[in-house]
Amino acid sequence: MDHPGTRITLVLVGAGSERALARLPQLASRIGAWQEVPRLTGAEVATVVTGFHPLWRTVPAPDLTWIDQFCAHGSFRTWAALTAHLQNALLTTADASIDRALLRRLFQRVAPPL
C-alpha cells in the first residue's frame, strides 16, 4: 500500500517497458504520466552531465564531447552507467585519474561500439 504522505515517485524505464507495465494492473494504476526523454544533443551534454554528477565537473568540456561522441551518443542511461563505473575505478584503483585511457576501458563496459 502506498504511504499516505507519498506525493510522487519517478521511475525511469527503457523503450517498450510501457507494454510490460500495462500488463501489471497494480503498477499500471499508479502511472500518472509517461514522458519520453530524447537523446541529449551535443550542446546539452556538458550542462546535463555536470549537473547530474559532480565528478563530471572535473572533466574539460572537450573531453565530455569526446565521451559523448565515442561512447554515450546522447544516452543519459549510458552516461549514468559510465558514471558508476568511473566512480568505482577511481575508488578501487590506486593513483587512477580520469584520462582517455581509463575512459576507453570503461567504454567497453557500458556501450559496445556502434
PDB file of N, CA and C in Angstrom:
ATOM      1  N   MET A   1       0.846  -1.175   0.000  1.00  0.00           N
ATOM      2  CA  MET A   1       0.000   0.000   0.000  1.00  0.00           C
ATOM      3  C   MET A   1       0.892   1.240   0.000  1.00  0.00           C
ATOM      4  N   ASP A   2       0.477   2.244  -0.752  1.00  0.00           N
ATOM      5  CA  ASP A   2       1.224   3.493  -0.789  1.00  0.00           C
ATOM      6  C   ASP A   2       1.140   4.198   0.550  1.00  0.00           C
ATOM      7  N   HIS A   3       2.237   4.816   0.945  1.00  0.00           N
ATOM      8  CA  HIS A   3       2.246   5.609   2.172  1.00  0.00           C
ATOM      9  C   HIS A   3       1.398   6.857   1.936  1.00  0.00           C
ATOM     10  N   PRO A   4       0.561   7.247   2.896  1.00  0.00           N
ATOM     11  CA  PRO A   4      -0.320   8.401   2.693  1.00  0.00           C
ATOM     12  C   PRO A   4       0.424   9.704   2.362  1.00  0.00           C
ATOM     13  N   GLY A   5       1.669   9.829   2.790  1.00  0.00           N
ATOM     14  CA  GLY A   5       2.420  11.055   2.525  1.00  0.00           C
ATOM     15  C   GLY A   5       3.132  11.069   1.182  1.00  0.00           C
ATOM     16  N   THR A   6       3.062   9.966   0.447  1.00  0.00           N
ATOM     17  CA  THR A   6       3.747   9.891  -0.842  1.00  0.00           C
ATOM     18  C   THR A   6       3.064  10.802  -1.846  1.00  0.00           C
ATOM     19  N   ARG A   7       3.884  11.675  -2.457  1.00  0.00           N
ATOM     20  CA  ARG A   7       3.320  12.595  -3.439  1.00  0.00           C
ATOM     21  C   ARG A   7       3.685  12.205  -4.867  1.00  0.00           C
ATOM     22  N   ILE A   8       4.901  11.677  -5.053  1.00  0.00           N
ATOM     23  CA  ILE A   8       5.314  11.298  -6.402  1.00  0.00           C
ATOM     24  C   ILE A   8       6.479  10.316  -6.321  1.00  0.00           C
ATOM     25  N   THR A   9       6.522   9.454  -7.297  1.00  0.00           N
ATOM     26  CA  THR A   9       7.653   8.559  -7.488  1.00  0.00           C
ATOM     27  C   THR A   9       8.021   8.629  -8.953  1.00  0.00           C
ATOM     28  N   LEU A  10       9.285   8.664  -9.227  1.00  0.00           N
ATOM     29  CA  LEU A  10       9.767   8.709 -10.598  1.00  0.00           C
ATOM     30  C   LEU A  10      10.428   7.388 -10.923  1.00  0.00           C
ATOM     31  N   VAL A  11      10.005   6.791 -12.013  1.00  0.00           N
ATOM     32  CA  VAL A  11      10.591   5.541 -12.468  1.00  0.00           C
ATOM     33  C   VAL A  11      11.060   5.749 -13.896  1.00  0.00           C
ATOM     34  N   LEU A  12      12.334   5.465 -14.148  1.00  0.00           N
ATOM     35  CA  LEU A  12      12.885   5.577 -15.487  1.00  0.00           C
ATOM     36  C   LEU A  12      13.006   4.180 -16.074  1.00  0.00           C
ATOM     37  N   VAL A  13      12.399   3.972 -17.235  1.00  0.00           N
ATOM     38  CA  VAL A  13      12.438   2.663 -17.874  1.00  0.00           C
ATOM     39  C   VAL A  13      12.757   2.823 -19.347  1.00  0.00           C
ATOM     40  N   GLY A  14      13.197   1.768 -19.950  1.00  0.00           N
ATOM     41  CA  GLY A  14      13.554   1.800 -21.361  1.00  0.00           C
ATOM     42  C   GLY A  14      12.343   1.711 -22.269  1.00  0.00           C
ATOM     43  N   ALA A  15      12.583   2.005 -23.535  1.00  0.00           N
ATOM     44  CA  ALA A  15      11.522   1.965 -24.538  1.00  0.00           C
ATOM     45  C   ALA A  15      10.891   0.580 -24.581  1.00  0.00           C
ATOM     46  N   GLY A  16       9.585   0.551 -24.684  1.00  0.00           N
ATOM     47  CA  GLY A  16       8.849  -0.709 -24.729  1.00  0.00           C
ATOM     48  C   GLY A  16       8.392  -1.194 -23.369  1.00  0.00           C
ATOM     49  N   SER A  17       8.906  -0.609 -22.309  1.00  0.00           N
ATOM     50  CA  SER A  17       8.546  -1.044 -20.964  1.00  0.00           C
ATOM     51  C   SER A  17       7.093  -0.759 -20.629  1.00  0.00           C
ATOM     52  N   GLU A  18       6.521   0.235 -21.299  1.00  0.00           N
ATOM     53  CA  GLU A  18       5.125   0.573 -21.004  1.00  0.00           C
ATOM     54  C   GLU A  18       4.199  -0.611 -21.272  1.00  0.00           C
ATOM     55  N   ARG A  19       4.506  -1.433 -22.258  1.00  0.00           N
ATOM     56  CA  ARG A  19       3.670  -2.610 -22.543  1.00  0.00           C
ATOM     57  C   ARG A  19       3.748  -3.610 -21.395  1.00  0.00           C
ATOM     58  N   ALA A  20       4.944  -3.835 -20.882  1.00  0.00           N
ATOM     59  CA  ALA A  20       5.105  -4.772 -19.774  1.00  0.00           C
ATOM     60  C   ALA A  20       4.416  -4.257 -18.518  1.00  0.00           C
ATOM     61  N   LEU A  21       4.572  -2.974 -18.236  1.00  0.00           N
ATOM     62  CA  LEU A  21       3.935  -2.398 -17.052  1.00  0.00           C
ATOM     63  C   LEU A  21       2.414  -2.392 -17.172  1.00  0.00           C
ATOM     64  N   ALA A  22       1.908  -2.210 -18.378  1.00  0.00           N
ATOM     65  CA  ALA A  22       0.461  -2.186 -18.588  1.00  0.00           C
ATOM     66  C   ALA A  22      -0.165  -3.542 -18.265  1.00  0.00           C
ATOM     67  N   ARG A  23       0.601  -4.619 -18.352  1.00  0.00           N
ATOM     68  CA  ARG A  23       0.080  -5.955 -18.036  1.00  0.00           C
ATOM     69  C   ARG A  23       0.016  -6.215 -16.536  1.00  0.00           C
ATOM     70  N   LEU A  24       0.544  -5.303 -15.739  1.00  0.00           N
ATOM     71  CA  LEU A  24       0.530  -5.454 -14.275  1.00  0.00           C
ATOM     72  C   LEU A  24      -0.375  -4.372 -13.683  1.00  0.00           C
ATOM     73  N   PRO A  25      -1.645  -4.702 -13.453  1.00  0.00           N
ATOM     74  CA  PRO A  25      -2.606  -3.681 -13.014  1.00  0.00           C
ATOM     75  C   PRO A  25      -2.180  -2.931 -11.756  1.00  0.00           C
ATOM     76  N   GLN A  26      -1.510  -3.616 -10.830  1.00  0.00           N
ATOM     77  CA  GLN A  26      -1.095  -2.955  -9.592  1.00  0.00           C
ATOM     78  C   GLN A  26      -0.062  -1.865  -9.849  1.00  0.00           C
ATOM     79  N   LEU A  27       0.698  -1.977 -10.924  1.00  0.00           N
ATOM     80  CA  LEU A  27       1.647  -0.933 -11.304  1.00  0.00           C
ATOM     81  C   LEU A  27       1.002   0.069 -12.263  1.00  0.00           C
ATOM     82  N   ALA A  28       0.290  -0.446 -13.246  1.00  0.00           N
ATOM     83  CA  ALA A  28      -0.315   0.416 -14.262  1.00  0.00           C
ATOM     84  C   ALA A  28      -1.249   1.449 -13.644  1.00  0.00           C
ATOM     85  N   SER A  29      -1.943   1.078 -12.577  1.00  0.00           N
ATOM     86  CA  SER A  29      -2.887   2.016 -11.954  1.00  0.00           C
ATOM     87  C   SER A  29      -2.188   3.177 -11.255  1.00  0.00           C
ATOM     88  N   ARG A  30      -0.902   3.065 -11.038  1.00  0.00           N
ATOM     89  CA  ARG A  30      -0.155   4.108 -10.332  1.00  0.00           C
ATOM     90  C   ARG A  30       0.606   5.045 -11.273  1.00  0.00           C
ATOM     91  N   ILE A  31       0.508   4.808 -12.567  1.00  0.00           N
ATOM     92  CA  ILE A  31       1.221   5.646 -13.527  1.00  0.00           C
ATOM     93  C   ILE A  31       0.382   6.886 -13.819  1.00  0.00           C
ATOM     94  N   GLY A  32       0.948   8.024 -13.466  1.00  0.00           N
ATOM     95  CA  GLY A  32       0.249   9.286 -13.687  1.00  0.00           C
ATOM     96  C   GLY A  32       0.524   9.870 -15.057  1.00  0.00           C
ATOM     97  N   ALA A  33       1.724   9.664 -15.570  1.00  0.00           N
ATOM     98  CA  ALA A  33       2.079  10.227 -16.872  1.00  0.00           C
ATOM     99  C   ALA A  33       3.304   9.503 -17.415  1.00  0.00           C
ATOM    100  N   TRP A  34       3.362   9.413 -18.727  1.00  0.00           N
ATOM    101  CA  TRP A  34       4.529   8.895 -19.419  1.00  0.00           C
ATOM    102  C   TRP A  34       5.255  10.075 -20.033  1.00  0.00           C
ATOM    103  N   GLN A  35       6.557  10.076 -19.940  1.00  0.00           N
ATOM    104  CA  GLN A  35       7.346  11.154 -20.529  1.00  0.00           C
ATOM    105  C   GLN A  35       8.533  10.554 -21.252  1.00  0.00           C
ATOM    106  N   GLU A  36       8.618  10.799 -22.533  1.00  0.00           N
ATOM    107  CA  GLU A  36       9.768  10.322 -23.285  1.00  0.00           C
ATOM    108  C   GLU A  36      10.928  11.289 -23.102  1.00  0.00           C
ATOM    109  N   VAL A  37      12.084  10.750 -22.826  1.00  0.00           N
ATOM    110  CA  VAL A  37      13.284  11.571 -22.683  1.00  0.00           C
ATOM    111  C   VAL A  37      14.152  11.326 -23.915  1.00  0.00           C
ATOM    112  N   PRO A  38      14.243  12.316 -24.788  1.00  0.00           N
ATOM    113  CA  PRO A  38      15.035  12.123 -26.007  1.00  0.00           C
ATOM    114  C   PRO A  38      16.536  12.130 -25.699  1.00  0.00           C
ATOM    115  N   ARG A  39      17.306  11.705 -26.678  1.00  0.00           N
ATOM    116  CA  ARG A  39      18.762  11.743 -26.530  1.00  0.00           C
ATOM    117  C   ARG A  39      19.216  13.191 -26.325  1.00  0.00           C
ATOM    118  N   LEU A  40      20.282  13.338 -25.575  1.00  0.00           N
ATOM    119  CA  LEU A  40      20.869  14.655 -25.371  1.00  0.00           C
ATOM    120  C   LEU A  40      21.514  15.123 -26.664  1.00  0.00           C
ATOM    121  N   THR A  41      21.378  16.393 -26.956  1.00  0.00           N
ATOM    122  CA  THR A  41      22.100  16.952 -28.092  1.00  0.00           C
ATOM    123  C   THR A  41      23.525  17.251 -27.640  1.00  0.00           C
ATOM    124  N   GLY A  42      24.412  17.438 -28.591  1.00  0.00           N
ATOM    125  CA  GLY A  42      25.797  17.776 -28.256  1.00  0.00           C
ATOM    126  C   GLY A  42      25.883  19.021 -27.390  1.00  0.00           C
ATOM    127  N   ALA A  43      25.007  19.991 -27.656  1.00  0.00           N
ATOM    128  CA  ALA A  43      25.009  21.239 -26.896  1.00  0.00           C
ATOM    129  C   ALA A  43      24.519  21.039 -25.463  1.00  0.00           C
ATOM    130  N   GLU A  44      23.722  20.007 -25.214  1.00  0.00           N
ATOM    131  CA  GLU A  44      23.157  19.764 -23.872  1.00  0.00           C
ATOM    132  C   GLU A  44      24.064  18.934 -22.978  1.00  0.00           C
ATOM    133  N   VAL A  45      24.940  18.153 -23.562  1.00  0.00           N
ATOM    134  CA  VAL A  45      25.713  17.166 -22.804  1.00  0.00           C
ATOM    135  C   VAL A  45      26.440  17.767 -21.607  1.00  0.00           C
ATOM    136  N   ALA A  46      27.263  18.775 -21.816  1.00  0.00           N
ATOM    137  CA  ALA A  46      28.079  19.321 -20.714  1.00  0.00           C
ATOM    138  C   ALA A  46      27.199  19.838 -19.581  1.00  0.00           C
ATOM    139  N   THR A  47      26.142  20.543 -19.906  1.00  0.00           N
ATOM    140  CA  THR A  47      25.261  21.093 -18.873  1.00  0.00           C
ATOM    141  C   THR A  47      24.565  19.985 -18.091  1.00  0.00           C
ATOM    142  N   VAL A  48      24.047  19.004 -18.803  1.00  0.00           N
ATOM    143  CA  VAL A  48      23.289  17.934 -18.149  1.00  0.00           C
ATOM    144  C   VAL A  48      24.184  17.048 -17.296  1.00  0.00           C
ATOM    145  N   VAL A  49      25.302  16.576 -17.841  1.00  0.00           N
ATOM    146  CA  VAL A  49      26.120  15.635 -17.069  1.00  0.00           C
ATOM    147  C   VAL A  49      26.832  16.302 -15.898  1.00  0.00           C
ATOM    148  N   THR A  50      27.225  17.556 -16.036  1.00  0.00           N
ATOM    149  CA  THR A  50      27.852  18.229 -14.895  1.00  0.00           C
ATOM    150  C   THR A  50      26.821  18.544 -13.811  1.00  0.00           C
ATOM    151  N   GLY A  51      25.577  18.699 -14.201  1.00  0.00           N
ATOM    152  CA  GLY A  51      24.513  18.860 -13.215  1.00  0.00           C
ATOM    153  C   GLY A  51      24.118  17.539 -12.577  1.00  0.00           C
ATOM    154  N   PHE A  52      24.270  16.461 -13.330  1.00  0.00           N
ATOM    155  CA  PHE A  52      23.919  15.121 -12.849  1.00  0.00           C
ATOM    156  C   PHE A  52      24.873  14.649 -11.758  1.00  0.00           C
ATOM    157  N   HIS A  53      26.179  14.832 -11.986  1.00  0.00           N
ATOM    158  CA  HIS A  53      27.150  14.325 -11.010  1.00  0.00           C
ATOM    159  C   HIS A  53      28.376  15.231 -10.976  1.00  0.00           C
ATOM    160  N   PRO A  54      28.841  15.586  -9.768  1.00  0.00           N
ATOM    161  CA  PRO A  54      29.993  16.491  -9.652  1.00  0.00           C
ATOM    162  C   PRO A  54      31.284  15.925 -10.235  1.00  0.00           C
ATOM    163  N   LEU A  55      31.385  14.633 -10.383  1.00  0.00           N
ATOM    164  CA  LEU A  55      32.570  14.026 -10.985  1.00  0.00           C
ATOM    165  C   LEU A  55      32.841  14.602 -12.368  1.00  0.00           C
ATOM    166  N   TRP A  56      31.791  14.854 -13.130  1.00  0.00           N
ATOM    167  CA  TRP A  56      31.951  15.360 -14.495  1.00  0.00           C
ATOM    168  C   TRP A  56      32.368  16.822 -14.532  1.00  0.00           C
ATOM    169  N   ARG A  57      32.235  17.535 -13.417  1.00  0.00           N
ATOM    170  CA  ARG A  57      32.668  18.935 -13.370  1.00  0.00           C
ATOM    171  C   ARG A  57      34.183  19.057 -13.423  1.00  0.00           C
ATOM    172  N   THR A  58      34.877  17.950 -13.173  1.00  0.00           N
ATOM    173  CA  THR A  58      36.344  17.962 -13.213  1.00  0.00           C
ATOM    174  C   THR A  58      36.887  17.639 -14.599  1.00  0.00           C
ATOM    175  N   VAL A  59      36.000  17.311 -15.521  1.00  0.00           N
ATOM    176  CA  VAL A  59      36.400  16.904 -16.871  1.00  0.00           C
ATOM    177  C   VAL A  59      36.199  18.088 -17.820  1.00  0.00           C
ATOM    178  N   PRO A  60      37.208  18.449 -18.587  1.00  0.00           N
ATOM    179  CA  PRO A  60      37.074  19.569 -19.538  1.00  0.00           C
ATOM    180  C   PRO A  60      35.957  19.314 -20.563  1.00  0.00           C
ATOM    181  N   ALA A  61      35.284  20.374 -20.961  1.00  0.00           N
ATOM    182  CA  ALA A  61      34.169  20.273 -21.911  1.00  0.00           C
ATOM    183  C   ALA A  61      34.538  19.525 -23.196  1.00  0.00           C
ATOM    184  N   PRO A  62      35.729  19.760 -23.777  1.00  0.00           N
ATOM    185  CA  PRO A  62      36.065  18.991 -24.983  1.00  0.00           C
ATOM    186  C   PRO A  62      36.116  17.476 -24.734  1.00  0.00           C
ATOM    187  N   ASP A  63      36.531  17.077 -23.540  1.00  0.00           N
ATOM    188  CA  ASP A  63      36.554  15.649 -23.219  1.00  0.00           C
ATOM    189  C   ASP A  63      35.141  15.105 -23.041  1.00  0.00           C
ATOM    190  N   LEU A  64      34.240  15.909 -22.492  1.00  0.00           N
ATOM    191  CA  LEU A  64      32.836  15.482 -22.378  1.00  0.00           C
ATOM    192  C   LEU A  64      32.247  15.257 -23.769  1.00  0.00           C
ATOM    193  N   THR A  65      32.578  16.154 -24.686  1.00  0.00           N
ATOM    194  CA  THR A  65      32.118  15.992 -26.069  1.00  0.00           C
ATOM    195  C   THR A  65      32.688  14.715 -26.669  1.00  0.00           C
ATOM    196  N   TRP A  66      33.960  14.462 -26.435  1.00  0.00           N
ATOM    197  CA  TRP A  66      34.622  13.245 -26.932  1.00  0.00           C
ATOM    198  C   TRP A  66      33.939  11.995 -26.368  1.00  0.00           C
ATOM    199  N   ILE A  67      33.659  11.990 -25.064  1.00  0.00           N
ATOM    200  CA  ILE A  67      32.985  10.854 -24.424  1.00  0.00           C
ATOM    201  C   ILE A  67      31.634  10.606 -25.084  1.00  0.00           C
ATOM    202  N   ASP A  68      30.902  11.675 -25.319  1.00  0.00           N
ATOM    203  CA  ASP A  68      29.578  11.515 -25.913  1.00  0.00           C
ATOM    204  C   ASP A  68      29.678  11.001 -27.347  1.00  0.00           C
ATOM    205  N   GLN A  69      30.622  11.513 -28.092  1.00  0.00           N
ATOM    206  CA  GLN A  69      30.774  11.087 -29.493  1.00  0.00           C
ATOM    207  C   GLN A  69      31.193   9.628 -29.625  1.00  0.00           C
ATOM    208  N   PHE A  70      32.062   9.165 -28.739  1.00  0.00           N
ATOM    209  CA  PHE A  70      32.613   7.825 -28.880  1.00  0.00           C
ATOM    210  C   PHE A  70      31.970   6.779 -27.984  1.00  0.00           C
ATOM    211  N   CYS A  71      31.100   7.202 -27.056  1.00  0.00           N
ATOM    212  CA  CYS A  71      30.512   6.217 -26.153  1.00  0.00           C
ATOM    213  C   CYS A  71      29.027   6.456 -25.895  1.00  0.00           C
ATOM    214  N   ALA A  72      28.678   7.574 -25.320  1.00  0.00           N
ATOM    215  CA  ALA A  72      27.315   7.765 -24.822  1.00  0.00           C
ATOM    216  C   ALA A  72      26.292   8.074 -25.908  1.00  0.00           C
ATOM    217  N   HIS A  73      26.692   8.756 -26.951  1.00  0.00           N
ATOM    218  CA  HIS A  73      25.802   9.068 -28.074  1.00  0.00           C
ATOM    219  C   HIS A  73      24.494   9.718 -27.615  1.00  0.00           C
ATOM    220  N   GLY A  74      24.589  10.593 -26.608  1.00  0.00           N
ATOM    221  CA  GLY A  74      23.414  11.315 -26.141  1.00  0.00           C
ATOM    222  C   GLY A  74      22.506  10.537 -25.211  1.00  0.00           C
ATOM    223  N   SER A  75      22.878   9.319 -24.863  1.00  0.00           N
ATOM    224  CA  SER A  75      22.044   8.483 -23.997  1.00  0.00           C
ATOM    225  C   SER A  75      22.355   8.769 -22.525  1.00  0.00           C
ATOM    226  N   PHE A  76      21.382   9.317 -21.821  1.00  0.00           N
ATOM    227  CA  PHE A  76      21.584   9.601 -20.404  1.00  0.00           C
ATOM    228  C   PHE A  76      21.836   8.308 -19.632  1.00  0.00           C
ATOM    229  N   ARG A  77      21.186   7.235 -20.041  1.00  0.00           N
ATOM    230  CA  ARG A  77      21.395   5.948 -19.381  1.00  0.00           C
ATOM    231  C   ARG A  77      22.863   5.530 -19.472  1.00  0.00           C
ATOM    232  N   THR A  78      23.470   5.725 -20.631  1.00  0.00           N
ATOM    233  CA  THR A  78      24.885   5.382 -20.794  1.00  0.00           C
ATOM    234  C   THR A  78      25.757   6.281 -19.936  1.00  0.00           C
ATOM    235  N   TRP A  79      25.434   7.567 -19.877  1.00  0.00           N
ATOM    236  CA  TRP A  79      26.182   8.483 -19.008  1.00  0.00           C
ATOM    237  C   TRP A  79      26.088   8.035 -17.551  1.00  0.00           C
ATOM    238  N   ALA A  80      24.906   7.613 -17.114  1.00  0.00           N
ATOM    239  CA  ALA A  80      24.739   7.159 -15.728  1.00  0.00           C
ATOM    240  C   ALA A  80      25.565   5.906 -15.461  1.00  0.00           C
ATOM    241  N   ALA A  81      25.546   4.961 -16.395  1.00  0.00           N
ATOM    242  CA  ALA A  81      26.341   3.741 -16.229  1.00  0.00           C
ATOM    243  C   ALA A  81      27.835   4.063 -16.219  1.00  0.00           C
ATOM    244  N   LEU A  82      28.256   4.937 -17.112  1.00  0.00           N
ATOM    245  CA  LEU A  82      29.661   5.324 -17.166  1.00  0.00           C
ATOM    246  C   LEU A  82      30.082   6.006 -15.864  1.00  0.00           C
ATOM    247  N   THR A  83      29.210   6.814 -15.316  1.00  0.00           N
ATOM    248  CA  THR A  83      29.493   7.481 -14.034  1.00  0.00           C
ATOM    249  C   THR A  83      29.751   6.455 -12.942  1.00  0.00           C
ATOM    250  N   ALA A  84      28.902   5.444 -12.851  1.00  0.00           N
ATOM    251  CA  ALA A  84      29.062   4.413 -11.822  1.00  0.00           C
ATOM    252  C   ALA A  84      30.381   3.664 -11.998  1.00  0.00           C
ATOM    253  N   HIS A  85      30.706   3.289 -13.225  1.00  0.00           N
ATOM    254  CA  HIS A  85      31.963   2.576 -13.474  1.00  0.00           C
ATOM    255  C   HIS A  85      33.180   3.463 -13.200  1.00  0.00           C
ATOM    256  N   LEU A  86      33.075   4.725 -13.558  1.00  0.00           N
ATOM    257  CA  LEU A  86      34.190   5.641 -13.318  1.00  0.00           C
ATOM    258  C   LEU A  86      34.404   5.857 -11.825  1.00  0.00           C
ATOM    259  N   GLN A  87      33.336   6.041 -11.090  1.00  0.00           N
ATOM    260  CA  GLN A  87      33.463   6.186  -9.633  1.00  0.00           C
ATOM    261  C   GLN A  87      34.145   4.958  -9.041  1.00  0.00           C
ATOM    262  N   ASN A  88      33.712   3.786  -9.453  1.00  0.00           N
ATOM    263  CA  ASN A  88      34.284   2.551  -8.938  1.00  0.00           C
ATOM    264  C   ASN A  88      35.770   2.457  -9.276  1.00  0.00           C
ATOM    265  N   ALA A  89      36.116   2.787 -10.511  1.00  0.00           N
ATOM    266  CA  ALA A  89      37.529   2.723 -10.911  1.00  0.00           C
ATOM    267  C   ALA A  89      38.376   3.684 -10.083  1.00  0.00           C
ATOM    268  N   LEU A  90      37.870   4.870  -9.840  1.00  0.00           N
ATOM    269  CA  LEU A  90      38.632   5.850  -9.062  1.00  0.00           C
ATOM    270  C   LEU A  90      38.777   5.436  -7.601  1.00  0.00           C
ATOM    271  N   LEU A  91      37.777   4.728  -7.075  1.00  0.00           N
ATOM    272  CA  LEU A  91      37.825   4.298  -5.680  1.00  0.00           C
ATOM    273  C   LEU A  91      38.662   3.038  -5.471  1.00  0.00           C
ATOM    274  N   THR A  92      38.773   2.207  -6.496  1.00  0.00           N
ATOM    275  CA  THR A  92      39.414   0.905  -6.306  1.00  0.00           C
ATOM    276  C   THR A  92      40.782   0.756  -6.968  1.00  0.00           C
ATOM    277  N   THR A  93      41.181   1.742  -7.739  1.00  0.00           N
ATOM    278  CA  THR A  93      42.464   1.656  -8.427  1.00  0.00           C
ATOM    279  C   THR A  93      43.397   2.740  -7.894  1.00  0.00           C
ATOM    280  N   ALA A  94      44.520   2.314  -7.347  1.00  0.00           N
ATOM    281  CA  ALA A  94      45.481   3.276  -6.805  1.00  0.00           C
ATOM    282  C   ALA A  94      45.953   4.217  -7.909  1.00  0.00           C
ATOM    283  N   ASP A  95      46.024   5.480  -7.582  1.00  0.00           N
ATOM    284  CA  ASP A  95      46.518   6.515  -8.493  1.00  0.00           C
ATOM    285  C   ASP A  95      45.728   6.642  -9.803  1.00  0.00           C
ATOM    286  N   ALA A  96      44.483   6.188  -9.812  1.00  0.00           N
ATOM    287  CA  ALA A  96      43.664   6.333 -11.018  1.00  0.00           C
ATOM    288  C   ALA A  96      43.298   7.798 -11.207  1.00  0.00           C
ATOM    289  N   SER A  97      43.260   8.201 -12.447  1.00  0.00           N
ATOM    290  CA  SER A  97      42.806   9.558 -12.760  1.00  0.00           C
ATOM    291  C   SER A  97      41.944   9.471 -14.010  1.00  0.00           C
ATOM    292  N   ILE A  98      41.120  10.487 -14.188  1.00  0.00           N
ATOM    293  CA  ILE A  98      40.241  10.494 -15.343  1.00  0.00           C
ATOM    294  C   ILE A  98      41.045  10.923 -16.559  1.00  0.00           C
ATOM    295  N   ASP A  99      41.357   9.952 -17.385  1.00  0.00           N
ATOM    296  CA  ASP A  99      42.056  10.242 -18.631  1.00  0.00           C
ATOM    297  C   ASP A  99      41.432   9.386 -19.727  1.00  0.00           C
ATOM    298  N   ARG A 100      41.825   9.624 -20.947  1.00  0.00           N
ATOM    299  CA  ARG A 100      41.196   8.919 -22.070  1.00  0.00           C
ATOM    300  C   ARG A 100      41.478   7.426 -22.061  1.00  0.00           C
ATOM    301  N   ALA A 101      42.621   7.026 -21.543  1.00  0.00           N
ATOM    302  CA  ALA A 101      42.931   5.592 -21.477  1.00  0.00           C
ATOM    303  C   ALA A 101      41.940   4.878 -20.551  1.00  0.00           C
ATOM    304  N   LEU A 102      41.718   5.443 -19.380  1.00  0.00           N
ATOM    305  CA  LEU A 102      40.753   4.854 -18.451  1.00  0.00           C
ATOM    306  C   LEU A 102      39.358   4.882 -19.059  1.00  0.00           C
ATOM    307  N   LEU A 103      38.983   6.001 -19.632  1.00  0.00           N
ATOM    308  CA  LEU A 103      37.653   6.115 -20.219  1.00  0.00           C
ATOM    309  C   LEU A 103      37.445   5.104 -21.339  1.00  0.00           C
ATOM    310  N   ARG A 104      38.436   4.902 -22.188  1.00  0.00           N
ATOM    311  CA  ARG A 104      38.308   3.908 -23.266  1.00  0.00           C
ATOM    312  C   ARG A 104      38.040   2.516 -22.707  1.00  0.00           C
ATOM    313  N   ARG A 105      38.728   2.164 -21.620  1.00  0.00           N
ATOM    314  CA  ARG A 105      38.490   0.851 -20.998  1.00  0.00           C
ATOM    315  C   ARG A 105      37.055   0.761 -20.476  1.00  0.00           C
ATOM    316  N   LEU A 106      36.555   1.850 -19.892  1.00  0.00           N
ATOM    317  CA  LEU A 106      35.198   1.847 -19.345  1.00  0.00           C
ATOM    318  C   LEU A 106      34.140   1.854 -20.446  1.00  0.00           C
ATOM    319  N   PHE A 107      34.448   2.452 -21.576  1.00  0.00           N
ATOM    320  CA  PHE A 107      33.504   2.465 -22.699  1.00  0.00           C
ATOM    321  C   PHE A 107      33.071   1.042 -23.039  1.00  0.00           C
ATOM    322  N   GLN A 108      34.001   0.102 -23.006  1.00  0.00           N
ATOM    323  CA  GLN A 108      33.701  -1.285 -23.361  1.00  0.00           C
ATOM    324  C   GLN A 108      32.691  -1.910 -22.407  1.00  0.00           C
ATOM    325  N   ARG A 109      32.638  -1.428 -21.191  1.00  0.00           N
ATOM    326  CA  ARG A 109      31.703  -1.975 -20.203  1.00  0.00           C
ATOM    327  C   ARG A 109      30.297  -1.419 -20.370  1.00  0.00           C
ATOM    328  N   VAL A 110      30.193  -0.208 -20.829  1.00  0.00           N
ATOM    329  CA  VAL A 110      28.866   0.424 -20.848  1.00  0.00           C
ATOM    330  C   VAL A 110      28.228   0.518 -22.221  1.00  0.00           C
ATOM    331  N   ALA A 111      29.020   0.543 -23.265  1.00  0.00           N
ATOM    332  CA  ALA A 111      28.446   0.727 -24.603  1.00  0.00           C
ATOM    333  C   ALA A 111      29.370   0.115 -25.645  1.00  0.00           C
ATOM    334  N   PRO A 112      29.043  -1.082 -26.099  1.00  0.00           N
ATOM    335  CA  PRO A 112      29.867  -1.659 -27.167  1.00  0.00           C
ATOM    336  C   PRO A 112      29.868  -0.733 -28.374  1.00  0.00           C
ATOM    337  N   PRO A 113      30.907  -0.740 -29.178  1.00  0.00           N
ATOM    338  CA  PRO A 113      30.975   0.156 -30.338  1.00  0.00           C
ATOM    339  C   PRO A 113      29.770  -0.003 -31.246  1.00  0.00           C
ATOM    340  N   LEU A 114      29.362   1.116 -31.840  1.00  0.00           N
ATOM    341  CA  LEU A 114      28.227   1.078 -32.783  1.00  0.00           C
ATOM    342  C   LEU A 114      28.622   0.425 -34.079  1.00  0.00           C
TER     343      LEU A 114
END
